[in-house]
N, C-alpha and C. Protein backbone atom coordinates (compact mmCIF):
# COMPACT_ATOMS: atom_id res chain seq x y z
N UNK A 1 75.61 122.98 76.98
CA UNK A 1 76.16 122.32 75.83
C UNK A 1 75.78 120.85 75.91
N UNK A 2 75.29 120.28 74.84
CA UNK A 2 74.78 118.91 74.84
C UNK A 2 75.87 117.89 74.54
N UNK A 3 75.59 116.68 74.94
CA UNK A 3 76.46 115.54 74.70
C UNK A 3 75.69 114.60 73.81
N UNK A 4 76.37 113.91 72.93
CA UNK A 4 75.70 112.96 72.05
C UNK A 4 74.88 112.00 72.90
N UNK A 5 73.62 111.85 72.57
CA UNK A 5 72.76 110.95 73.32
C UNK A 5 72.03 111.67 74.45
N UNK A 6 72.15 112.95 74.59
CA UNK A 6 71.43 113.66 75.64
C UNK A 6 72.29 114.70 76.32
N UNK A 7 71.64 115.46 77.17
CA UNK A 7 72.36 116.49 77.92
C UNK A 7 72.91 115.90 79.20
N UNK A 8 74.14 116.25 79.52
CA UNK A 8 74.77 115.79 80.77
C UNK A 8 75.08 117.01 81.61
N UNK A 9 74.91 116.89 82.92
CA UNK A 9 75.24 118.03 83.77
C UNK A 9 76.75 118.28 83.72
N UNK A 10 77.15 119.51 83.92
CA UNK A 10 78.59 119.81 83.91
C UNK A 10 79.29 119.11 85.07
N UNK A 11 80.52 118.72 84.84
CA UNK A 11 81.30 118.07 85.89
C UNK A 11 81.99 119.15 86.71
N UNK A 12 81.71 119.13 87.98
CA UNK A 12 82.32 120.09 88.91
C UNK A 12 83.13 119.31 89.93
N UNK A 13 83.90 120.05 90.73
CA UNK A 13 84.69 119.39 91.77
C UNK A 13 83.78 118.64 92.74
N UNK A 14 82.64 119.26 93.07
CA UNK A 14 81.70 118.62 93.99
C UNK A 14 81.14 117.33 93.41
N UNK A 15 80.76 117.37 92.11
CA UNK A 15 80.19 116.15 91.52
C UNK A 15 81.26 115.08 91.37
N UNK A 16 82.49 115.45 91.10
CA UNK A 16 83.58 114.47 90.99
C UNK A 16 83.86 113.84 92.35
N UNK A 17 83.84 114.67 93.41
CA UNK A 17 84.05 114.15 94.76
C UNK A 17 82.93 113.20 95.17
N UNK A 18 81.67 113.60 94.84
CA UNK A 18 80.53 112.74 95.15
C UNK A 18 80.63 111.43 94.41
N UNK A 19 81.01 111.49 93.14
CA UNK A 19 81.14 110.28 92.33
C UNK A 19 82.22 109.36 92.89
N UNK A 20 83.35 109.93 93.30
CA UNK A 20 84.42 109.13 93.88
C UNK A 20 83.97 108.49 95.18
N UNK A 21 83.27 109.25 95.99
CA UNK A 21 82.79 108.72 97.27
C UNK A 21 81.75 107.63 97.05
N UNK A 22 80.86 107.81 96.07
CA UNK A 22 79.83 106.81 95.80
C UNK A 22 80.43 105.53 95.22
N UNK A 23 81.50 105.66 94.44
CA UNK A 23 82.10 104.47 93.85
C UNK A 23 82.84 103.64 94.89
N UNK A 24 83.19 104.23 95.99
CA UNK A 24 83.84 103.50 97.08
C UNK A 24 82.78 103.02 98.04
N UNK A 25 81.92 102.14 97.58
CA UNK A 25 80.78 101.68 98.36
C UNK A 25 81.20 100.79 99.52
N UNK A 26 82.25 99.99 99.34
CA UNK A 26 82.70 99.11 100.41
C UNK A 26 83.32 99.94 101.52
N UNK A 27 83.30 99.40 102.72
CA UNK A 27 83.82 100.12 103.87
C UNK A 27 84.79 99.22 104.62
N UNK A 28 85.91 99.79 105.07
CA UNK A 28 86.88 99.06 105.88
C UNK A 28 86.31 98.82 107.27
N UNK A 29 87.06 98.04 108.07
CA UNK A 29 86.63 97.72 109.43
C UNK A 29 86.44 98.97 110.28
N UNK A 30 87.25 100.00 110.02
CA UNK A 30 87.14 101.20 110.85
C UNK A 30 86.06 102.15 110.33
N UNK A 31 85.30 101.73 109.32
CA UNK A 31 84.22 102.54 108.81
C UNK A 31 84.63 103.50 107.72
N UNK A 32 85.90 103.53 107.35
CA UNK A 32 86.38 104.44 106.31
C UNK A 32 86.26 103.77 104.95
N UNK A 33 85.98 104.56 103.95
CA UNK A 33 85.92 104.04 102.59
C UNK A 33 87.32 103.64 102.14
N UNK A 34 87.44 102.59 101.32
CA UNK A 34 88.77 102.17 100.86
C UNK A 34 89.37 103.20 99.90
N UNK A 35 90.68 103.14 99.75
CA UNK A 35 91.35 104.02 98.81
C UNK A 35 90.99 103.66 97.38
N UNK A 36 91.02 104.62 96.50
CA UNK A 36 90.75 104.38 95.09
C UNK A 36 92.06 104.04 94.39
N UNK A 37 92.41 102.77 94.41
CA UNK A 37 93.65 102.30 93.81
C UNK A 37 93.41 102.01 92.33
N UNK A 38 94.46 102.10 91.52
CA UNK A 38 94.30 101.76 90.10
C UNK A 38 93.95 100.28 89.95
N UNK A 39 92.92 100.00 89.19
CA UNK A 39 92.44 98.63 89.03
C UNK A 39 93.52 97.72 88.44
N UNK A 40 94.32 98.26 87.51
CA UNK A 40 95.32 97.43 86.84
C UNK A 40 96.36 96.89 87.82
N UNK A 41 96.68 97.64 88.87
CA UNK A 41 97.70 97.19 89.83
C UNK A 41 97.24 95.94 90.57
N UNK A 42 95.96 95.89 90.89
CA UNK A 42 95.40 94.73 91.58
C UNK A 42 95.20 93.53 90.69
N UNK A 43 95.37 93.71 89.39
CA UNK A 43 95.28 92.59 88.43
C UNK A 43 96.67 92.16 88.00
N UNK A 44 97.47 93.11 87.55
CA UNK A 44 98.81 92.79 87.04
C UNK A 44 99.73 92.31 88.16
N UNK A 45 99.69 92.98 89.31
CA UNK A 45 100.56 92.62 90.43
C UNK A 45 100.43 91.16 90.85
N UNK A 46 99.21 90.70 91.15
CA UNK A 46 99.07 89.29 91.54
C UNK A 46 99.47 88.32 90.43
N UNK A 47 99.20 88.66 89.18
CA UNK A 47 99.58 87.77 88.07
C UNK A 47 101.09 87.63 87.96
N UNK A 48 101.81 88.75 88.07
CA UNK A 48 103.27 88.71 88.03
C UNK A 48 103.80 87.93 89.23
N UNK A 49 103.24 88.18 90.39
CA UNK A 49 103.69 87.47 91.60
C UNK A 49 103.43 85.97 91.49
N UNK A 50 102.28 85.59 90.95
CA UNK A 50 101.98 84.16 90.79
C UNK A 50 102.91 83.50 89.78
N UNK A 51 103.25 84.22 88.71
CA UNK A 51 104.25 83.69 87.77
C UNK A 51 105.57 83.49 88.50
N UNK A 52 105.94 84.43 89.36
CA UNK A 52 107.16 84.31 90.15
C UNK A 52 107.10 83.12 91.09
N UNK A 53 105.94 82.88 91.71
CA UNK A 53 105.78 81.70 92.57
C UNK A 53 106.05 80.43 91.76
N UNK A 54 105.55 80.40 90.54
CA UNK A 54 105.75 79.22 89.69
C UNK A 54 107.21 78.97 89.37
N UNK A 55 107.91 80.00 88.90
CA UNK A 55 109.32 79.83 88.52
C UNK A 55 110.19 79.59 89.76
N UNK A 56 109.98 80.37 90.80
CA UNK A 56 110.78 80.20 92.03
C UNK A 56 110.46 78.85 92.68
N UNK A 57 109.21 78.42 92.57
CA UNK A 57 108.85 77.10 93.09
C UNK A 57 109.58 76.00 92.35
N UNK A 58 109.69 76.14 91.04
CA UNK A 58 110.43 75.16 90.23
C UNK A 58 111.91 75.15 90.63
N UNK A 59 112.49 76.33 90.81
CA UNK A 59 113.90 76.40 91.22
C UNK A 59 114.10 75.82 92.63
N UNK A 60 113.13 76.04 93.51
CA UNK A 60 113.22 75.47 94.86
C UNK A 60 113.15 73.95 94.79
N UNK A 61 112.25 73.43 93.99
CA UNK A 61 112.14 71.99 93.79
C UNK A 61 113.46 71.43 93.24
N UNK A 62 114.02 72.10 92.25
CA UNK A 62 115.28 71.66 91.66
C UNK A 62 116.41 71.70 92.69
N UNK A 63 116.39 72.69 93.56
CA UNK A 63 117.43 72.80 94.58
C UNK A 63 117.40 71.61 95.53
N UNK A 64 116.21 71.22 95.95
CA UNK A 64 116.09 70.14 96.93
C UNK A 64 116.10 68.75 96.30
N UNK A 65 116.01 68.67 94.99
CA UNK A 65 116.09 67.35 94.35
C UNK A 65 117.43 67.24 93.63
N UNK A 66 117.47 67.70 92.40
CA UNK A 66 118.71 67.67 91.64
C UNK A 66 118.68 68.76 90.58
N UNK A 67 119.80 69.36 90.34
CA UNK A 67 119.87 70.46 89.36
C UNK A 67 119.67 69.96 87.94
N UNK A 68 119.77 68.65 87.68
CA UNK A 68 119.57 68.14 86.33
C UNK A 68 118.10 68.23 85.90
N UNK A 69 117.22 68.53 86.83
CA UNK A 69 115.80 68.72 86.50
C UNK A 69 115.65 69.92 85.58
N UNK A 70 116.52 70.89 85.72
CA UNK A 70 116.44 72.11 84.93
C UNK A 70 116.69 71.81 83.45
N UNK A 71 115.75 72.18 82.62
CA UNK A 71 115.89 72.00 81.17
C UNK A 71 116.69 73.19 80.64
N UNK A 72 117.97 73.15 80.89
CA UNK A 72 118.86 74.27 80.60
C UNK A 72 120.23 73.69 80.27
N UNK A 73 120.94 74.24 79.29
CA UNK A 73 122.28 73.72 78.97
C UNK A 73 123.20 73.76 80.19
N UNK A 74 124.16 72.86 80.22
CA UNK A 74 125.10 72.81 81.35
C UNK A 74 126.53 73.12 80.91
N UNK A 75 126.66 73.89 79.85
CA UNK A 75 128.00 74.31 79.43
C UNK A 75 127.90 75.68 78.77
N UNK A 76 128.97 76.39 78.81
CA UNK A 76 128.98 77.72 78.22
C UNK A 76 128.38 78.77 79.13
N UNK A 77 127.99 79.87 78.52
CA UNK A 77 127.45 81.00 79.28
C UNK A 77 126.11 80.66 79.94
N UNK A 78 125.26 79.92 79.24
CA UNK A 78 123.98 79.49 79.80
C UNK A 78 124.23 78.17 80.52
N UNK A 79 124.19 78.23 81.86
CA UNK A 79 124.51 77.05 82.65
C UNK A 79 123.77 77.14 83.99
N UNK A 80 122.55 76.63 83.98
CA UNK A 80 121.71 76.72 85.18
C UNK A 80 122.30 75.93 86.35
N UNK A 81 122.86 74.76 86.06
CA UNK A 81 123.41 73.92 87.13
C UNK A 81 124.55 74.65 87.85
N UNK A 82 125.39 75.31 87.09
CA UNK A 82 126.52 76.03 87.70
C UNK A 82 126.01 77.14 88.62
N UNK A 83 124.98 77.83 88.20
CA UNK A 83 124.44 78.94 88.99
C UNK A 83 123.68 78.42 90.21
N UNK A 84 122.81 77.43 90.00
CA UNK A 84 121.93 76.98 91.09
C UNK A 84 122.63 76.10 92.13
N UNK A 85 123.85 75.66 91.83
CA UNK A 85 124.60 74.86 92.80
C UNK A 85 125.82 75.61 93.34
N UNK A 86 125.96 76.87 92.96
CA UNK A 86 127.12 77.64 93.40
C UNK A 86 126.94 78.11 94.84
N UNK A 87 128.02 78.66 95.39
CA UNK A 87 127.95 79.20 96.75
C UNK A 87 127.02 80.41 96.82
N UNK A 88 126.73 81.03 95.67
CA UNK A 88 125.84 82.18 95.63
C UNK A 88 124.36 81.77 95.65
N UNK A 89 124.10 80.49 95.57
CA UNK A 89 122.70 80.03 95.55
C UNK A 89 122.13 79.84 96.96
N UNK A 90 122.94 80.15 97.98
CA UNK A 90 122.52 80.02 99.36
C UNK A 90 122.95 81.28 100.12
N UNK A 91 122.04 81.81 100.92
CA UNK A 91 122.35 82.96 101.78
C UNK A 91 122.02 82.55 103.21
N UNK A 92 123.03 82.57 104.05
CA UNK A 92 122.88 82.21 105.47
C UNK A 92 122.21 80.84 105.62
N UNK A 93 122.59 79.92 104.76
CA UNK A 93 122.07 78.56 104.83
C UNK A 93 120.70 78.36 104.19
N UNK A 94 120.10 79.42 103.68
CA UNK A 94 118.78 79.34 103.06
C UNK A 94 118.95 79.45 101.54
N UNK A 95 118.40 78.50 100.80
CA UNK A 95 118.51 78.58 99.33
C UNK A 95 117.86 79.86 98.80
N UNK A 96 118.55 80.52 97.87
CA UNK A 96 118.02 81.74 97.26
C UNK A 96 116.69 81.44 96.57
N UNK A 97 116.56 80.24 95.99
CA UNK A 97 115.30 79.87 95.34
C UNK A 97 114.15 79.88 96.34
N UNK A 98 114.38 79.40 97.55
CA UNK A 98 113.34 79.40 98.59
C UNK A 98 113.03 80.83 99.01
N UNK A 99 114.05 81.67 99.13
CA UNK A 99 113.81 83.09 99.45
C UNK A 99 112.95 83.73 98.36
N UNK A 100 113.24 83.40 97.11
CA UNK A 100 112.44 83.91 96.00
C UNK A 100 111.00 83.44 96.07
N UNK A 101 110.81 82.17 96.40
CA UNK A 101 109.46 81.62 96.52
C UNK A 101 108.69 82.34 97.63
N UNK A 102 109.34 82.55 98.77
CA UNK A 102 108.70 83.26 99.88
C UNK A 102 108.40 84.71 99.49
N UNK A 103 109.34 85.35 98.82
CA UNK A 103 109.16 86.73 98.37
C UNK A 103 107.92 86.85 97.48
N UNK A 104 107.82 85.98 96.48
CA UNK A 104 106.69 86.07 95.56
C UNK A 104 105.37 85.70 96.24
N UNK A 105 105.40 84.77 97.18
CA UNK A 105 104.18 84.41 97.91
C UNK A 105 103.67 85.60 98.73
N UNK A 106 104.59 86.27 99.43
CA UNK A 106 104.21 87.45 100.22
C UNK A 106 103.73 88.57 99.29
N UNK A 107 104.45 88.78 98.20
CA UNK A 107 104.06 89.84 97.27
C UNK A 107 102.73 89.54 96.60
N UNK A 108 102.41 88.26 96.38
CA UNK A 108 101.11 87.92 95.80
C UNK A 108 99.99 88.39 96.71
N UNK A 109 100.17 88.25 98.01
CA UNK A 109 99.17 88.73 98.97
C UNK A 109 99.13 90.25 98.98
N UNK A 110 100.30 90.89 99.03
CA UNK A 110 100.37 92.35 99.08
C UNK A 110 99.85 93.01 97.81
N UNK A 111 99.78 92.27 96.72
CA UNK A 111 99.34 92.82 95.44
C UNK A 111 97.84 92.60 95.18
N UNK A 112 97.16 91.90 96.08
CA UNK A 112 95.73 91.65 95.88
C UNK A 112 94.96 92.97 95.83
N UNK A 113 93.88 93.02 95.05
CA UNK A 113 93.10 94.26 94.96
C UNK A 113 92.67 94.80 96.32
N UNK A 114 92.27 93.93 97.23
CA UNK A 114 91.83 94.37 98.55
C UNK A 114 92.98 95.04 99.31
N UNK A 115 94.21 94.60 99.06
CA UNK A 115 95.36 95.22 99.73
C UNK A 115 95.68 96.58 99.11
N UNK A 116 95.46 96.71 97.81
CA UNK A 116 95.68 98.01 97.17
C UNK A 116 94.69 99.05 97.69
N UNK A 117 93.48 98.61 98.04
CA UNK A 117 92.45 99.55 98.53
C UNK A 117 92.51 99.75 100.03
N UNK A 118 93.32 98.98 100.72
CA UNK A 118 93.36 99.03 102.18
C UNK A 118 93.96 100.33 102.69
N UNK A 119 93.43 100.76 103.83
CA UNK A 119 93.98 101.94 104.53
C UNK A 119 94.90 101.52 105.66
N UNK A 120 95.24 100.26 105.73
CA UNK A 120 96.09 99.74 106.80
C UNK A 120 97.40 100.52 106.84
N UNK A 121 97.66 101.11 107.98
CA UNK A 121 98.85 101.96 108.15
C UNK A 121 100.11 101.13 107.94
N UNK A 122 101.02 101.62 107.16
CA UNK A 122 102.29 100.95 106.92
C UNK A 122 102.28 99.97 105.77
N UNK A 123 101.11 99.69 105.21
CA UNK A 123 101.03 98.72 104.11
C UNK A 123 101.73 99.22 102.85
N UNK A 124 101.48 100.47 102.49
CA UNK A 124 102.09 101.03 101.28
C UNK A 124 103.62 101.02 101.36
N UNK A 125 104.21 101.55 102.43
CA UNK A 125 105.67 101.51 102.50
C UNK A 125 106.23 100.09 102.60
N UNK A 126 105.49 99.20 103.26
CA UNK A 126 105.96 97.81 103.37
C UNK A 126 105.98 97.14 102.00
N UNK A 127 104.95 97.39 101.19
CA UNK A 127 104.89 96.81 99.84
C UNK A 127 106.03 97.33 98.98
N UNK A 128 106.27 98.63 99.04
CA UNK A 128 107.36 99.23 98.26
C UNK A 128 108.71 98.73 98.77
N UNK A 129 108.88 98.65 100.09
CA UNK A 129 110.15 98.17 100.66
C UNK A 129 110.42 96.72 100.26
N UNK A 130 109.39 95.89 100.28
CA UNK A 130 109.57 94.49 99.89
C UNK A 130 109.97 94.40 98.42
N UNK A 131 109.31 95.16 97.57
CA UNK A 131 109.64 95.15 96.14
C UNK A 131 111.06 95.68 95.91
N UNK A 132 111.44 96.72 96.64
CA UNK A 132 112.79 97.27 96.53
C UNK A 132 113.83 96.26 97.01
N UNK A 133 113.53 95.58 98.12
CA UNK A 133 114.43 94.53 98.61
C UNK A 133 114.63 93.44 97.58
N UNK A 134 113.57 93.06 96.88
CA UNK A 134 113.68 92.06 95.82
C UNK A 134 114.60 92.52 94.70
N UNK A 135 114.47 93.78 94.31
CA UNK A 135 115.32 94.32 93.23
C UNK A 135 116.77 94.40 93.67
N UNK A 136 117.02 94.80 94.91
CA UNK A 136 118.40 94.87 95.42
C UNK A 136 119.04 93.48 95.38
N UNK A 137 118.30 92.46 95.81
CA UNK A 137 118.84 91.10 95.77
C UNK A 137 119.07 90.66 94.33
N UNK A 138 118.18 91.03 93.42
CA UNK A 138 118.34 90.68 92.01
C UNK A 138 119.61 91.31 91.45
N UNK A 139 119.88 92.56 91.80
CA UNK A 139 121.10 93.23 91.31
C UNK A 139 122.33 92.46 91.78
N UNK A 140 122.34 92.06 93.05
CA UNK A 140 123.46 91.28 93.57
C UNK A 140 123.59 89.94 92.84
N UNK A 141 122.49 89.26 92.62
CA UNK A 141 122.53 87.95 91.97
C UNK A 141 122.96 88.04 90.51
N UNK A 142 122.50 89.07 89.82
CA UNK A 142 122.92 89.26 88.42
C UNK A 142 124.43 89.54 88.38
N UNK A 143 124.90 90.37 89.32
CA UNK A 143 126.33 90.62 89.41
C UNK A 143 127.10 89.31 89.62
N UNK A 144 126.62 88.49 90.56
CA UNK A 144 127.28 87.21 90.84
C UNK A 144 127.28 86.31 89.61
N UNK A 145 126.18 86.26 88.89
CA UNK A 145 126.11 85.42 87.69
C UNK A 145 127.09 85.90 86.62
N UNK A 146 127.08 87.19 86.36
CA UNK A 146 127.89 87.72 85.25
C UNK A 146 129.37 87.84 85.56
N UNK A 147 129.71 88.25 86.79
CA UNK A 147 131.11 88.58 87.07
C UNK A 147 131.82 87.61 88.01
N UNK A 148 131.08 86.81 88.73
CA UNK A 148 131.70 85.83 89.63
C UNK A 148 131.63 84.42 89.06
N UNK A 149 130.49 84.08 88.48
CA UNK A 149 130.30 82.71 87.98
C UNK A 149 130.50 82.57 86.48
N UNK A 150 130.43 83.66 85.77
CA UNK A 150 130.51 83.64 84.30
C UNK A 150 129.49 82.66 83.72
N UNK A 151 128.30 82.65 84.28
CA UNK A 151 127.23 81.77 83.81
C UNK A 151 125.89 82.43 84.12
N UNK A 152 124.92 82.13 83.27
CA UNK A 152 123.57 82.67 83.44
C UNK A 152 122.59 81.51 83.51
N UNK A 153 121.68 81.60 84.45
CA UNK A 153 120.60 80.63 84.57
C UNK A 153 119.35 81.25 83.96
N UNK A 154 118.76 80.58 82.98
CA UNK A 154 117.58 81.14 82.32
C UNK A 154 116.39 81.25 83.27
N UNK A 155 116.22 80.28 84.14
CA UNK A 155 115.13 80.34 85.11
C UNK A 155 115.36 81.47 86.11
N UNK A 156 116.60 81.65 86.52
CA UNK A 156 116.94 82.76 87.42
C UNK A 156 116.66 84.09 86.74
N UNK A 157 116.99 84.17 85.45
CA UNK A 157 116.73 85.39 84.69
C UNK A 157 115.23 85.68 84.64
N UNK A 158 114.43 84.64 84.49
CA UNK A 158 112.98 84.82 84.51
C UNK A 158 112.53 85.39 85.86
N UNK A 159 113.10 84.87 86.94
CA UNK A 159 112.79 85.40 88.28
C UNK A 159 113.22 86.85 88.39
N UNK A 160 114.38 87.17 87.85
CA UNK A 160 114.89 88.54 87.91
C UNK A 160 113.95 89.50 87.17
N UNK A 161 113.53 89.10 85.98
CA UNK A 161 112.62 89.94 85.18
C UNK A 161 111.29 90.12 85.90
N UNK A 162 110.77 89.04 86.47
CA UNK A 162 109.49 89.13 87.20
C UNK A 162 109.63 90.02 88.44
N UNK A 163 110.77 89.96 89.11
CA UNK A 163 111.00 90.79 90.30
C UNK A 163 111.02 92.27 89.92
N UNK A 164 111.72 92.59 88.83
CA UNK A 164 111.77 93.99 88.37
C UNK A 164 110.38 94.44 87.92
N UNK A 165 109.65 93.57 87.22
CA UNK A 165 108.29 93.92 86.78
C UNK A 165 107.39 94.17 87.99
N UNK A 166 107.52 93.36 89.02
CA UNK A 166 106.73 93.54 90.23
C UNK A 166 107.09 94.85 90.92
N UNK A 167 108.36 95.20 90.91
CA UNK A 167 108.80 96.47 91.47
C UNK A 167 108.16 97.64 90.71
N UNK A 168 108.16 97.57 89.38
CA UNK A 168 107.58 98.64 88.56
C UNK A 168 106.08 98.75 88.85
N UNK A 169 105.37 97.62 88.88
CA UNK A 169 103.94 97.63 89.19
C UNK A 169 103.71 98.26 90.57
N UNK A 170 104.52 97.88 91.53
CA UNK A 170 104.36 98.38 92.90
C UNK A 170 104.60 99.88 92.97
N UNK A 171 105.68 100.35 92.36
CA UNK A 171 106.00 101.78 92.42
C UNK A 171 104.95 102.60 91.68
N UNK A 172 104.58 102.18 90.47
CA UNK A 172 103.59 102.94 89.71
C UNK A 172 102.21 102.87 90.38
N UNK A 173 101.83 101.70 90.84
CA UNK A 173 100.54 101.56 91.52
C UNK A 173 100.48 102.40 92.78
N UNK A 174 101.58 102.44 93.52
CA UNK A 174 101.63 103.26 94.74
C UNK A 174 101.59 104.74 94.39
N UNK A 175 102.30 105.13 93.35
CA UNK A 175 102.31 106.54 92.95
C UNK A 175 100.92 106.99 92.48
N UNK A 176 100.16 106.09 91.88
CA UNK A 176 98.85 106.45 91.36
C UNK A 176 97.72 106.22 92.36
N UNK A 177 98.05 105.73 93.55
CA UNK A 177 97.05 105.56 94.60
C UNK A 177 97.21 106.70 95.59
N UNK A 178 96.18 107.49 95.79
CA UNK A 178 96.32 108.58 96.74
C UNK A 178 96.53 108.04 98.15
N UNK A 179 97.33 108.73 98.91
CA UNK A 179 97.58 108.32 100.30
C UNK A 179 96.37 108.63 101.17
N UNK A 180 95.43 109.39 100.62
CA UNK A 180 94.24 109.77 101.36
C UNK A 180 93.09 109.85 100.36
N UNK A 181 91.91 109.91 100.84
CA UNK A 181 90.73 110.04 99.99
C UNK A 181 90.24 111.48 100.06
N UNK A 182 89.39 111.88 99.13
CA UNK A 182 88.87 113.24 99.09
C UNK A 182 88.15 113.56 100.40
N UNK A 183 87.47 112.58 100.98
CA UNK A 183 86.76 112.80 102.24
C UNK A 183 87.73 113.17 103.36
N UNK A 184 88.96 112.65 103.30
CA UNK A 184 89.96 112.99 104.30
C UNK A 184 90.29 114.48 104.26
N UNK A 185 90.31 115.07 103.07
CA UNK A 185 90.58 116.50 102.93
C UNK A 185 89.48 117.31 103.61
N UNK A 186 88.24 116.88 103.44
CA UNK A 186 87.13 117.57 104.09
C UNK A 186 87.27 117.52 105.60
N UNK A 187 87.69 116.35 106.13
CA UNK A 187 87.87 116.21 107.56
C UNK A 187 88.99 117.15 108.07
N UNK A 188 90.05 117.31 107.27
CA UNK A 188 91.14 118.19 107.67
C UNK A 188 90.73 119.66 107.61
N UNK A 189 89.90 120.00 106.61
CA UNK A 189 89.51 121.38 106.42
C UNK A 189 88.46 121.83 107.43
N UNK A 190 87.66 120.89 107.93
CA UNK A 190 86.59 121.26 108.85
C UNK A 190 87.18 121.59 110.22
N UNK A 191 86.84 122.76 110.75
CA UNK A 191 87.35 123.12 112.07
C UNK A 191 86.69 122.26 113.15
N UNK A 192 87.44 121.98 114.19
CA UNK A 192 86.90 121.21 115.31
C UNK A 192 85.87 122.07 116.04
N UNK A 193 84.80 121.42 116.40
CA UNK A 193 83.75 122.17 117.09
C UNK A 193 83.77 121.89 118.55
């Protein structure tokens, strides 16, 4: 059966496996081809993480200088100063804004395309665990804002949204990245000689 523009050979499992193996031209240090990760995860993930570095960096700067730097109302439900200077803005003596900055900086590295393709043992669960840890902290902070402080910080909300977005990118990207390559299946199926 012909294809517009010419005849194409039928796609078989063998040709699909060959194509996947050929597209993974780069090789890791151990000589194994990198994983075929979804391209979008290596683009969207770092962009979201870098946006988080920007907002969390601004909040960290505001924490160490003065909360009046925040272009945010200081009365009513929207009150960045109340949130960023509260007892909930520090965990074990470390500003939450600084923790957020560190979180996004680490996640920016873990979201790089080369990291998505890496076969480094433990990288996938570490990336998911870090993203999950960020979401757990966000849930606690949103609870503190809404039910303990009765105030919302718009910049904090931006960090919360970016954290959840990074979690979604991480989970979906991980789910769509095979834990092994097709060549690994051949190695498992081949009997030892």
